């Protein structure tokens, strides 16, 4: 019966090894299940991150559009300021021209005033001559 004992021993050894392996297999299965759950969580987190990044990208594009719009507005305002600056320059030139005209008119009025003074002086001289002529006429007519 040695063979039978040996077979029983081999079967018992095989069952122990199978039991050990089934415990290991159970542990491997548990690890694989834990890994699967962690992988599912990671996949969900990556999906959430992807959605968040897509949302952020959309917001950045929107902000870029707004900044482009603001750049256009700033360029428009810059153009308007340049136009206003040119207009102010034109107005300054016109004021300078008006100032020159006023100076010229002032000079002309001074000349006219001088002429009027000269005419007044000549009128006074003529009045004086008229008085002399009148006196001479009186003398001449008295002596006749």
Protein backbone atom coordinates (compact mmCIF):
# COMPACT_ATOMS: atom_id res chain seq x y z
CA UNK A 1 0.00 0.00 0.00
CA UNK A 2 2.78 2.20 -0.31
CA UNK A 3 1.65 3.28 -3.69
CA UNK A 4 -1.72 4.18 -2.38
CA UNK A 5 -0.19 6.14 0.45
CA UNK A 6 2.01 7.86 -2.00
CA UNK A 7 -0.98 8.73 -4.19
CA UNK A 8 -2.87 10.01 -1.15
CA UNK A 9 0.15 12.05 -0.19
CA UNK A 10 0.48 13.42 -3.68
CA UNK A 11 -3.23 14.25 -3.75
CA UNK A 12 -3.00 15.94 -0.37
CA UNK A 13 0.07 17.87 -1.54
CA UNK A 14 -1.74 18.87 -4.70
CA UNK A 15 -4.77 19.98 -2.74
CA UNK A 16 -2.60 22.06 -0.37
CA UNK A 17 -0.83 23.64 -3.34
CA UNK A 18 -4.17 24.23 -5.04
CA UNK A 19 -5.46 25.80 -1.83
CA UNK A 20 -2.38 27.98 -1.63
CA UNK A 21 -2.73 28.91 -5.28
CA UNK A 22 -6.42 29.59 -4.96
CA UNK A 23 -5.63 31.94 -2.06
CA UNK A 24 -3.03 33.63 -4.25
CA UNK A 25 -5.47 33.71 -7.14
CA UNK A 26 -8.07 35.29 -4.82
CA UNK A 27 -5.53 37.90 -3.81
CA UNK A 28 -4.61 38.51 -7.47
CA UNK A 29 -8.30 38.84 -8.30
CA UNK A 30 -8.75 41.30 -5.42
CA UNK A 31 -5.76 43.32 -6.66
CA UNK A 32 -7.12 43.27 -10.20
CA UNK A 33 -10.56 44.41 -8.96
CA UNK A 34 -8.94 47.21 -6.92
CA UNK A 35 -6.83 48.14 -9.94
CA UNK A 36 -9.96 48.12 -12.14
CA UNK A 37 -11.81 50.38 -9.69
CA UNK A 38 -8.83 52.74 -9.47
CA UNK A 39 -8.56 52.74 -13.27
CA UNK A 40 -12.27 53.59 -13.56
CA UNK A 41 -11.83 56.45 -11.09
CA UNK A 42 -8.76 57.65 -12.98
CA UNK A 43 -10.65 57.44 -16.27
CA UNK A 44 -13.49 59.50 -14.76
CA UNK A 45 -11.02 62.05 -13.39
CA UNK A 46 -9.28 62.28 -16.78
CA UNK A 47 -12.68 62.76 -18.44
CA UNK A 48 -13.52 65.54 -15.98
CA UNK A 49 -10.11 67.14 -16.58
CA UNK A 50 -10.64 66.92 -20.34
CA UNK A 51 -14.06 68.62 -20.02
CA UNK A 52 -12.52 71.29 -17.79
CA UNK A 53 -9.67 71.90 -20.26
CA UNK A 54 -12.13 72.15 -23.15
CA UNK A 55 -14.19 74.66 -21.13
CA UNK A 56 -11.05 76.66 -20.27
CA UNK A 57 -9.98 76.60 -23.93
CA UNK A 58 -13.39 77.96 -24.95
CA UNK A 59 -13.14 80.71 -22.35
CA UNK A 60 -9.62 81.59 -23.50
CA UNK A 61 -10.81 81.82 -27.11
CA UNK A 62 -13.68 84.04 -25.98
CA UNK A 63 -11.27 86.26 -24.04
CA UNK A 64 -8.95 86.38 -27.05
CA UNK A 65 -11.88 87.53 -29.18
CA UNK A 66 -12.74 90.19 -26.62
CA UNK A 67 -9.12 91.35 -26.48
CA UNK A 68 -9.06 91.53 -30.28
CA UNK A 69 -12.22 93.60 -30.16
CA UNK A 70 -10.64 95.88 -27.55
CA UNK A 71 -7.52 96.22 -29.73
CA UNK A 72 -9.74 97.31 -32.60
CA UNK A 73 -11.49 99.82 -30.36
CA UNK A 74 -8.16 101.18 -29.13
CA UNK A 75 -6.92 101.56 -32.72
CA UNK A 76 -10.17 103.33 -33.61
CA UNK A 77 -9.78 105.67 -30.63
CA UNK A 78 -6.16 106.28 -31.60
CA UNK A 79 -7.30 107.23 -35.10
CA UNK A 80 -9.93 109.55 -33.69
CA UNK A 81 -7.38 111.19 -31.39
CA UNK A 82 -5.08 111.70 -34.37
CA UNK A 83 -7.94 113.27 -36.30
CA UNK A 84 -8.77 115.55 -33.36
CA UNK A 85 -5.10 116.48 -33.06
CA UNK A 86 -5.04 117.47 -36.75
CA UNK A 87 -8.23 119.49 -36.30
CA UNK A 88 -6.75 121.27 -33.28
CA UNK A 89 -3.64 121.99 -35.37
CA UNK A 90 -5.85 123.42 -38.13
CA UNK A 91 -7.73 125.54 -35.60
CA UNK A 92 -4.41 126.75 -34.17
CA UNK A 93 -3.28 127.71 -37.68
CA UNK A 94 -6.55 129.59 -38.26
CA UNK A 95 -6.20 131.39 -34.93
CA UNK A 96 -2.65 132.35 -35.90
CA UNK A 97 -3.94 133.66 -39.22
CA UNK A 98 -6.68 135.63 -37.44
CA UNK A 99 -4.07 137.03 -35.05
CA UNK A 100 -1.99 138.16 -38.04
CA UNK A 101 -5.05 139.79 -39.60
CA UNK A 102 -5.85 141.57 -36.33
CA UNK A 103 -2.27 142.80 -36.13
CA UNK A 104 -2.51 144.01 -39.72
CA UNK A 105 -5.84 145.72 -38.98
CA UNK A 106 -4.33 147.30 -35.86
CA UNK A 107 -1.44 148.61 -37.96
CA UNK A 108 -3.85 149.95 -40.60
CA UNK A 109 -5.94 151.65 -37.92
CA UNK A 110 -2.79 153.25 -36.53
CA UNK A 111 -1.97 154.53 -40.01
CA UNK A 112 -5.51 155.81 -40.44
CA UNK A 113 -5.32 157.52 -37.05
CA UNK A 114 -2.06 159.13 -38.14
CA UNK A 115 -3.67 160.29 -41.35
CA UNK A 116 -6.65 161.67 -39.44
CA UNK A 117 -4.27 163.53 -37.14
CA UNK A 118 -2.47 164.89 -40.20
CA UNK A 119 -5.79 165.93 -41.77
CA UNK A 120 -6.88 167.57 -38.47
CA UNK A 121 -3.58 169.46 -38.44
CA UNK A 122 -4.14 170.63 -42.02
CA UNK A 123 -7.72 171.63 -41.21
CA UNK A 124 -6.40 173.67 -38.28
CA UNK A 125 -3.86 175.28 -40.61
CA UNK A 126 -6.60 175.97 -43.16
CA UNK A 127 -8.80 177.54 -40.47
CA UNK A 128 -5.88 179.68 -39.39
CA UNK A 129 -5.33 180.72 -43.01
CA UNK A 130 -9.03 181.40 -43.39
CA UNK A 131 -8.93 183.69 -40.35
CA UNK A 132 -5.93 185.55 -41.80
CA UNK A 133 -7.66 185.88 -45.14
CA UNK A 134 -10.77 187.23 -43.40
CA UNK A 135 -8.67 189.78 -41.49
CA UNK A 136 -6.88 190.79 -44.68
CA UNK A 137 -10.20 191.16 -46.45
CA UNK A 138 -11.48 193.32 -43.66
CA UNK A 139 -8.40 195.52 -43.87
CA UNK A 140 -8.65 195.68 -47.59
CA UNK A 141 -12.34 196.58 -47.54
CA UNK A 142 -11.90 199.10 -44.73
CA UNK A 143 -9.21 200.90 -46.60
CA UNK A 144 -11.31 201.35 -49.64
